[in-house]
Amino acid sequence: MTDFVTKCLDRGDQLQINSIAIPALGTGFLAFPAKTVVRRLIQCVKDFEIAHKSTSLTEIRFVIFPKDTKTFEEFENEFNRYSYSILQKPVSRGTL
């Protein structure tokens, strides 16, 4: 998972895009522990930020299924640890 996310971020930088959305991979059907997934995803972003000081990516969004409150809470907890902010909380809609 971390390799895939890192490659997506690298590719976004190569294409000089400004934003990218990454799903919370594995927290649904595969039932990976949300805390583990969230920490690994955020670590990927932190590692990317360190390695790419002048990247074009200015917005990285994590997409969470609206009813997956556990994963959202884990993101919120982890973001609070690093002083990141959550700008948009999930909205319950029929589909994403």
Protein backbone atom coordinates (compact mmCIF):
# COMPACT_ATOMS: atom_id res chain seq x y z
CA MET A 1 0.00 0.00 0.00
CA THR A 2 2.70 2.50 0.94
CA ASP A 3 4.59 1.78 -2.27
CA PHE A 4 1.43 2.45 -4.30
CA VAL A 5 0.71 5.72 -2.50
CA THR A 6 4.32 6.87 -2.85
CA LYS A 7 4.20 6.13 -6.59
CA CYS A 8 0.95 8.08 -6.91
CA LEU A 9 2.46 11.09 -5.16
CA ASP A 10 5.62 10.87 -7.27
CA ARG A 11 3.55 10.63 -10.44
CA GLY A 12 1.43 13.61 -9.40
CA ASP A 13 4.59 15.62 -8.90
CA GLN A 14 5.97 14.51 -12.28
CA LEU A 15 2.73 15.61 -13.96
CA GLN A 16 2.89 18.90 -12.02
CA ILE A 17 -0.65 18.59 -10.72
CA ASN A 18 -1.79 20.64 -7.73
CA SER A 19 -4.00 18.15 -5.93
CA ILE A 20 -4.52 14.43 -5.55
CA ALA A 21 -7.08 12.29 -3.74
CA ILE A 22 -6.09 9.00 -2.16
CA PRO A 23 -8.60 6.49 -0.80
CA ALA A 24 -8.12 4.99 2.66
CA LEU A 25 -6.94 1.76 1.07
CA GLY A 26 -7.67 -1.45 2.92
CA THR A 27 -9.98 -0.11 5.63
CA GLY A 28 -13.14 -1.39 3.98
CA PHE A 29 -13.53 -4.86 2.50
CA LEU A 30 -9.97 -5.90 3.37
CA ALA A 31 -10.56 -4.88 7.01
CA PHE A 32 -7.03 -3.69 7.77
CA PRO A 33 -6.86 -1.86 11.10
CA ALA A 34 -7.74 1.78 10.49
CA LYS A 35 -5.05 3.06 12.84
CA THR A 36 -2.33 1.18 10.94
CA VAL A 37 -3.58 2.32 7.53
CA VAL A 38 -3.90 5.93 8.61
CA ARG A 39 -0.43 6.07 10.13
CA ARG A 40 1.13 4.55 7.03
CA LEU A 41 -0.72 6.89 4.67
CA ILE A 42 0.29 9.96 6.64
CA GLN A 43 3.88 8.73 6.91
CA CYS A 44 3.94 8.40 3.10
CA VAL A 45 2.88 12.03 2.77
CA LYS A 46 5.42 13.18 5.35
CA ASP A 47 8.20 11.26 3.58
CA PHE A 48 7.07 12.73 0.26
CA GLU A 49 7.14 16.26 1.69
CA ILE A 50 10.69 15.74 2.94
CA ALA A 51 11.89 14.32 -0.39
CA HIS A 52 10.09 16.87 -2.59
CA LYS A 53 10.62 20.33 -1.14
CA SER A 54 9.40 22.10 -4.28
CA THR A 55 6.54 19.85 -5.37
CA SER A 56 3.57 21.10 -7.34
CA LEU A 57 1.24 19.13 -5.05
CA THR A 58 -0.30 21.59 -2.63
CA GLU A 59 -3.37 19.56 -1.64
CA ILE A 60 -3.49 15.88 -0.74
CA ARG A 61 -6.91 14.56 0.21
CA PHE A 62 -7.74 11.25 1.81
CA VAL A 63 -11.09 9.87 0.72
CA ILE A 64 -13.10 7.93 3.28
CA PHE A 65 -16.40 6.12 2.84
CA PRO A 66 -18.93 8.36 4.63
CA LYS A 67 -20.10 5.67 7.05
CA ASP A 68 -16.54 4.71 8.03
CA THR A 69 -16.43 6.82 11.16
CA LYS A 70 -13.63 4.72 12.72
CA THR A 71 -11.22 5.56 9.88
CA PHE A 72 -12.23 9.23 9.99
CA GLU A 73 -11.58 9.33 13.74
CA GLU A 74 -8.16 7.76 13.24
CA PHE A 75 -7.29 10.38 10.59
CA GLU A 76 -8.47 13.13 12.90
CA ASN A 77 -6.40 11.76 15.81
CA GLU A 78 -3.31 11.37 13.66
CA PHE A 79 -3.66 14.81 12.08
CA ASN A 80 -3.96 16.32 15.54
CA ARG A 81 -0.67 14.64 16.51
CA TYR A 82 1.10 16.44 13.66
CA SER A 83 -0.88 19.70 13.67
CA TYR A 84 -2.38 19.02 10.26
CA SER A 85 -5.91 20.22 9.84
CA ILE A 86 -8.97 18.54 8.45
CA LEU A 87 -10.61 21.07 6.22
CA GLN A 88 -13.65 19.09 5.18
CA LYS A 89 -15.39 16.46 7.26
CA PRO A 90 -17.25 13.70 5.42
CA VAL A 91 -20.80 14.31 4.38
CA SER A 92 -23.20 11.40 4.41
CA ARG A 93 -24.36 10.92 0.84
CA GLY A 94 -25.64 7.93 -1.06
CA THR A 95 -22.44 7.47 -3.05
CA LEU A 96 -18.99 8.92 -3.40
